[in-house]
């Protein structure tokens, strides 16, 4: 059996921009994505620490070393510039490995 486990998370990421006119997603600086082992178009869970909102979307890369955390499309309605977020990625792990699993 596979268990869905927290692969990595970005703690207290600060929203730097919002763009309602985009099709949807969260833009994350390439270097931040690499450090958290998040690939382009990977599904992530977003927790807005300011509002308590939780929602899923997919990650798209912003410029390297840009520091961008941008809510795009409908997600732009779920946060404002300055809000603190937790961005969580997941992976499926065999049950035996899950018993000793540690996220990044």
Protein backbone atom coordinates (compact mmCIF):
# COMPACT_ATOMS: atom_id res chain seq x y z
CA UNK A 1 0.00 0.00 0.00
CA UNK A 2 1.15 3.53 -0.73
CA UNK A 3 0.90 6.35 1.79
CA UNK A 4 0.76 10.02 0.80
CA UNK A 5 3.51 11.77 2.77
CA UNK A 6 4.73 15.34 3.09
CA UNK A 7 7.75 15.48 0.77
CA UNK A 8 8.79 19.05 1.54
CA UNK A 9 7.46 22.38 2.67
CA UNK A 10 8.33 26.01 2.37
CA UNK A 11 7.57 27.69 5.71
CA UNK A 12 6.38 31.29 6.05
CA UNK A 13 6.79 32.19 2.38
CA UNK A 14 5.65 35.79 1.91
CA UNK A 15 3.30 36.57 -0.98
CA UNK A 16 5.13 39.09 -3.18
CA UNK A 17 2.54 39.46 -5.94
CA UNK A 18 -0.93 38.46 -7.08
CA UNK A 19 -2.27 38.25 -10.63
CA UNK A 20 -5.96 37.50 -11.04
CA UNK A 21 -5.71 37.48 -14.86
CA UNK A 22 -3.42 34.43 -15.02
CA UNK A 23 -4.93 30.96 -15.64
CA UNK A 24 -4.07 29.76 -12.16
CA UNK A 25 -1.17 28.52 -10.03
CA UNK A 26 1.48 29.75 -7.65
CA UNK A 27 4.70 31.22 -9.05
CA UNK A 28 7.75 30.35 -6.95
CA UNK A 29 11.35 31.44 -7.53
CA UNK A 30 13.31 28.67 -9.31
CA UNK A 31 15.89 28.48 -6.54
CA UNK A 32 13.19 28.13 -3.87
CA UNK A 33 11.49 25.38 -5.90
CA UNK A 34 14.79 23.52 -6.30
CA UNK A 35 15.57 23.71 -2.59
CA UNK A 36 12.11 22.32 -1.74
CA UNK A 37 12.32 19.67 -4.51
CA UNK A 38 9.18 21.02 -6.24
CA UNK A 39 9.00 20.56 -10.00
CA UNK A 40 7.19 22.80 -12.48
CA UNK A 41 3.47 21.93 -12.59
CA UNK A 42 3.68 19.80 -9.44
CA UNK A 43 0.52 19.94 -7.31
CA UNK A 44 1.05 21.70 -3.97
CA UNK A 45 -1.11 22.51 -0.95
CA UNK A 46 -1.07 26.15 0.13
CA UNK A 47 -1.87 27.17 3.71
CA UNK A 48 -2.43 30.90 4.19
CA UNK A 49 -1.36 31.66 7.76
CA UNK A 50 -3.10 35.05 7.69
CA UNK A 51 -6.55 33.81 6.65
CA UNK A 52 -6.50 30.11 7.46
CA UNK A 53 -7.40 29.28 3.84
CA UNK A 54 -6.08 25.99 2.45
CA UNK A 55 -6.12 25.24 -1.27
CA UNK A 56 -4.42 23.14 -3.92
CA UNK A 57 -2.83 24.49 -7.07
CA UNK A 58 0.25 23.79 -9.16
CA UNK A 59 3.68 25.40 -8.99
CA UNK A 60 5.24 27.34 -11.87
CA UNK A 61 8.80 28.65 -11.81
CA UNK A 62 9.51 32.36 -11.47
CA UNK A 63 12.96 33.84 -12.06
CA UNK A 64 15.95 32.35 -10.27
CA UNK A 65 16.87 34.32 -7.13
CA UNK A 66 13.77 36.46 -7.69
CA UNK A 67 12.23 35.67 -4.31
CA UNK A 68 8.83 35.58 -6.03
CA UNK A 69 5.88 33.93 -4.33
CA UNK A 70 2.98 34.88 -6.59
CA UNK A 71 -0.64 33.81 -6.34
CA UNK A 72 -2.09 33.52 -9.84
CA UNK A 73 -5.63 33.24 -11.23
CA UNK A 74 -8.31 32.18 -8.75
CA UNK A 75 -5.65 31.62 -6.09
CA UNK A 76 -5.04 35.39 -6.16
CA UNK A 77 -8.39 35.78 -4.37
CA UNK A 78 -7.12 33.62 -1.49
CA UNK A 79 -4.24 35.81 -0.39
CA UNK A 80 -2.78 39.29 -0.48
CA UNK A 81 0.73 40.66 -0.86
CA UNK A 82 2.43 40.27 2.52
CA UNK A 83 0.46 37.19 3.60
CA UNK A 84 2.54 34.33 5.03
CA UNK A 85 2.10 30.90 3.41
CA UNK A 86 3.17 27.33 3.97
CA UNK A 87 3.64 25.53 0.64
CA UNK A 88 3.52 21.73 0.99
CA UNK A 89 4.44 19.10 -1.60
CA UNK A 90 3.64 15.38 -1.33
CA UNK A 91 4.86 12.05 -2.57
CA UNK A 92 3.59 8.49 -2.39
CA UNK A 93 5.76 6.12 -0.37
CA UNK A 94 5.54 2.37 0.23
CA UNK A 95 4.10 1.68 3.68
CA UNK A 96 7.29 0.14 5.11
CA UNK A 97 9.34 3.17 4.04
CA UNK A 98 6.62 5.49 5.33
CA UNK A 99 7.17 4.21 8.88
CA UNK A 100 10.63 5.81 8.96
CA UNK A 101 10.02 8.57 6.41
CA UNK A 102 11.36 12.10 6.96
CA UNK A 103 10.32 15.08 4.81
CA UNK A 104 12.78 17.59 3.40
